[in-house]
Amino acid sequence: MKVYTKTGDKGTTALFGGTRVPKHHIRIESYGTIDELNSHIGLIRDQDIDQLYKNTLMDIQDRLFTVGAILATDPEKAQLKNGKARLNIPKISNEDIEKLEKEIDLMEDSLPPMTHFVLPGGHTTVSFCHIARTVCRRAERLASHLNDLEPFQPETLMYINRLSDYLFVLARKLSHDLHAEEIKWIPKKES
């Protein structure tokens, strides 16, 4: 199989199910941003961090492929026909969401409480987490817009939302583990 197919040379691409849409379609923007997020998470996983985090990030990357598949599916082709799904699309489960929540809680238990917003940075690995978090928030905005137009499995949006929380707490935890300075944002007073 060749990497190039030439089928997208006129600015369209196929959804899972075969329907062709413009490459700038909100559905393509949504799952393309999930793909971008997945790449940033791979970059975090490549850092010198605890194996527990690497394992969790690998699991997240797997789930992001599921999210991408959900977002890349033509909703009409995913609907039931004669009681059966036309396409066999994986799903995001409540257990996937609960797993992120459990990881967030475990990390937060070892961190001081937040009293202020924090400025992204302090260590390269921490900065990678903040970049992934902001890409995740963009993916969430795009997926939310898509969901308004063509609804999909609700747990998918919940997972993306919880993932951005996970990435924020991971940034804080890695700041703590790496002894990086966590700089609080304190608004300047007007004179």
Protein backbone atom coordinates (compact mmCIF):
# COMPACT_ATOMS: atom_id res chain seq x y z
CA MET A 1 0.00 0.00 0.00
CA LYS A 2 1.40 3.40 -0.98
CA VAL A 3 1.31 6.36 1.39
CA TYR A 4 0.04 8.67 -1.31
CA THR A 5 -3.30 7.91 -2.92
CA LYS A 6 -3.86 11.13 -4.89
CA THR A 7 -7.55 11.00 -3.88
CA GLY A 8 -7.15 14.19 -1.82
CA ASP A 9 -5.53 16.25 -4.55
CA LYS A 10 -8.70 18.29 -5.03
CA GLY A 11 -9.03 19.24 -1.36
CA THR A 12 -11.35 16.50 -0.15
CA THR A 13 -10.84 13.49 2.08
CA ALA A 14 -12.85 10.42 2.99
CA LEU A 15 -14.49 9.86 6.34
CA PHE A 16 -14.67 6.41 7.87
CA GLY A 17 -17.55 4.99 5.86
CA GLY A 18 -16.42 6.51 2.56
CA THR A 19 -18.21 9.88 2.48
CA ARG A 20 -15.96 12.60 1.02
CA VAL A 21 -15.83 16.03 2.64
CA PRO A 22 -13.63 19.13 2.22
CA LYS A 23 -10.36 18.94 4.14
CA HIS A 24 -11.39 22.08 6.04
CA HIS A 25 -14.63 20.45 7.31
CA ILE A 26 -15.16 20.79 11.09
CA ARG A 27 -15.03 16.99 11.38
CA ILE A 28 -11.56 16.94 9.80
CA GLU A 29 -10.41 19.84 11.99
CA SER A 30 -11.68 17.92 15.04
CA TYR A 31 -9.95 14.63 14.47
CA GLY A 32 -6.88 16.34 12.98
CA THR A 33 -6.45 18.25 16.23
CA ILE A 34 -6.79 15.00 18.18
CA ASP A 35 -3.99 13.61 16.00
CA GLU A 36 -1.88 16.69 16.76
CA LEU A 37 -2.57 16.20 20.47
CA ASN A 38 -1.55 12.57 20.23
CA SER A 39 1.80 13.63 18.75
CA HIS A 40 2.41 16.10 21.59
CA ILE A 41 1.61 13.38 24.13
CA GLY A 42 4.17 11.16 22.39
CA LEU A 43 6.70 13.93 22.91
CA ILE A 44 5.94 14.01 26.64
CA ARG A 45 6.22 10.21 26.79
CA ASP A 46 9.67 10.45 25.17
CA GLN A 47 10.97 12.55 28.09
CA ASP A 48 12.88 11.24 31.08
CA ILE A 49 9.83 10.74 33.30
CA ASP A 50 8.58 7.97 35.58
CA GLN A 51 7.47 4.79 33.80
CA LEU A 52 4.03 5.08 35.45
CA TYR A 53 3.41 8.32 33.55
CA LYS A 54 4.74 6.78 30.33
CA ASN A 55 2.35 3.84 30.68
CA THR A 56 -0.60 6.14 31.35
CA LEU A 57 0.35 8.32 28.38
CA MET A 58 0.56 5.28 26.12
CA ASP A 59 -2.93 4.26 27.24
CA ILE A 60 -4.13 7.80 26.53
CA GLN A 61 -2.60 7.67 23.05
CA ASP A 62 -4.52 4.45 22.40
CA ARG A 63 -7.76 6.08 23.56
CA LEU A 64 -7.05 9.10 21.35
CA PHE A 65 -7.02 6.81 18.33
CA THR A 66 -10.50 5.71 19.43
CA VAL A 67 -11.57 9.36 19.79
CA GLY A 68 -10.18 10.05 16.32
CA ALA A 69 -12.12 7.11 14.88
CA ILE A 70 -15.34 8.36 16.46
CA LEU A 71 -14.79 11.86 15.10
CA ALA A 72 -13.75 10.57 11.65
CA THR A 73 -16.91 8.53 11.16
CA ASP A 74 -19.74 9.63 8.91
CA PRO A 75 -22.64 9.77 11.41
CA GLU A 76 -25.12 8.43 8.87
CA LYS A 77 -22.94 5.37 8.27
CA ALA A 78 -22.48 4.78 12.01
CA GLN A 79 -26.22 4.61 12.70
CA LEU A 80 -27.99 1.36 13.37
CA LYS A 81 -29.59 -0.45 10.46
CA ASN A 82 -31.91 -3.35 11.22
CA GLY A 83 -30.69 -3.29 14.85
CA LYS A 84 -27.00 -3.56 13.88
CA ALA A 85 -24.32 -0.90 13.60
CA ARG A 86 -23.27 -0.36 10.00
CA LEU A 87 -19.67 0.30 11.03
CA ASN A 88 -17.82 -1.27 13.93
CA ILE A 89 -16.55 1.89 15.67
CA PRO A 90 -14.87 1.58 19.08
CA LYS A 91 -16.26 3.64 21.94
CA ILE A 92 -14.95 5.63 24.87
CA SER A 93 -16.19 4.09 28.10
CA ASN A 94 -17.01 5.56 31.48
CA GLU A 95 -14.09 3.45 32.75
CA ASP A 96 -11.74 5.39 30.43
CA ILE A 97 -12.92 8.65 32.01
CA GLU A 98 -12.73 7.24 35.54
CA LYS A 99 -9.17 6.06 34.90
CA LEU A 100 -8.12 9.65 34.09
CA GLU A 101 -9.92 10.91 37.20
CA LYS A 102 -8.13 8.33 39.35
CA GLU A 103 -4.74 9.37 37.94
CA ILE A 104 -5.58 13.05 38.55
CA ASP A 105 -6.56 12.31 42.15
CA LEU A 106 -3.38 10.31 42.80
CA MET A 107 -1.17 13.12 41.50
CA GLU A 108 -3.09 15.84 43.34
CA ASP A 109 -2.74 13.98 46.64
CA SER A 110 1.02 14.65 46.58
CA LEU A 111 0.81 18.29 45.47
CA PRO A 112 0.27 21.47 47.46
CA PRO A 113 -3.15 23.01 46.87
CA MET A 114 -3.41 25.53 44.06
CA THR A 115 -3.89 29.07 45.25
CA HIS A 116 -3.19 30.87 41.96
CA PHE A 117 -2.97 30.23 38.26
CA VAL A 118 0.51 29.11 37.26
CA LEU A 119 2.59 30.36 34.37
CA PRO A 120 3.41 27.56 31.91
CA GLY A 121 7.09 26.67 31.98
CA GLY A 122 9.81 25.95 34.49
CA HIS A 123 11.16 22.87 32.70
CA THR A 124 11.00 21.68 29.09
CA THR A 125 8.99 18.57 29.99
CA VAL A 126 6.50 20.67 31.95
CA SER A 127 6.19 23.04 28.98
CA PHE A 128 5.43 20.09 26.69
CA CYS A 129 2.56 19.18 29.05
CA HIS A 130 1.17 22.70 28.87
CA ILE A 131 1.37 22.71 25.08
CA ALA A 132 -0.48 19.38 24.98
CA ARG A 133 -3.07 20.78 27.41
CA THR A 134 -3.78 23.78 25.20
CA VAL A 135 -4.01 21.60 22.07
CA CYS A 136 -6.41 19.38 24.02
CA ARG A 137 -8.57 22.41 24.88
CA ARG A 138 -8.62 23.39 21.19
CA ALA A 139 -9.60 19.84 20.27
CA GLU A 140 -12.39 20.07 22.84
CA ARG A 141 -13.70 23.33 21.37
CA LEU A 142 -13.69 21.88 17.86
CA ALA A 143 -15.29 18.61 18.95
CA SER A 144 -17.94 20.54 20.90
CA HIS A 145 -18.76 22.53 17.77
CA LEU A 146 -18.94 19.33 15.73
CA ASN A 147 -21.17 17.72 18.37
CA ASP A 148 -23.59 20.67 18.08
CA LEU A 149 -23.83 20.02 14.34
CA GLU A 150 -23.67 16.21 14.28
CA PRO A 151 -23.92 14.64 17.75
CA PHE A 152 -21.69 11.72 18.68
CA GLN A 153 -21.11 9.59 21.79
CA PRO A 154 -21.23 11.93 24.85
CA GLU A 155 -18.37 10.14 26.63
CA THR A 156 -16.05 11.28 23.86
CA LEU A 157 -16.38 14.95 24.83
CA MET A 158 -16.17 14.03 28.50
CA TYR A 159 -12.90 12.17 27.87
CA ILE A 160 -11.34 15.09 26.01
CA ASN A 161 -12.37 17.45 28.81
CA ARG A 162 -10.94 15.21 31.52
CA LEU A 163 -7.76 14.71 29.51
CA SER A 164 -7.01 18.44 29.54
CA ASP A 165 -7.39 18.36 33.34
CA TYR A 166 -5.05 15.37 33.49
CA LEU A 167 -2.42 17.17 31.40
CA PHE A 168 -2.60 20.24 33.66
CA VAL A 169 -2.15 18.18 36.81
CA LEU A 170 0.62 16.16 35.13
CA ALA A 171 2.42 19.44 34.41
CA ARG A 172 2.15 20.38 38.08
CA LYS A 173 3.25 16.92 39.22
CA LEU A 174 6.24 16.92 36.89
CA SER A 175 7.18 20.40 38.13
CA HIS A 176 7.17 18.94 41.63
CA ASP A 177 9.07 15.75 40.66
CA LEU A 178 11.67 17.65 38.62
CA HIS A 179 12.08 20.35 41.27
CA ALA A 180 11.12 22.98 38.71
CA GLU A 181 9.92 26.34 39.84
CA GLU A 182 6.14 26.73 39.59
CA ILE A 183 5.58 30.43 39.11
CA LYS A 184 2.26 31.74 40.34
CA TRP A 185 0.46 34.28 38.23
CA ILE A 186 -0.25 37.27 40.42
CA PRO A 187 -1.92 40.10 38.50
CA LYS A 188 -0.02 43.35 38.61
CA LYS A 189 -1.72 46.10 40.50
CA GLU A 190 -2.44 49.22 38.59
CA SER A 191 -0.67 52.30 39.88
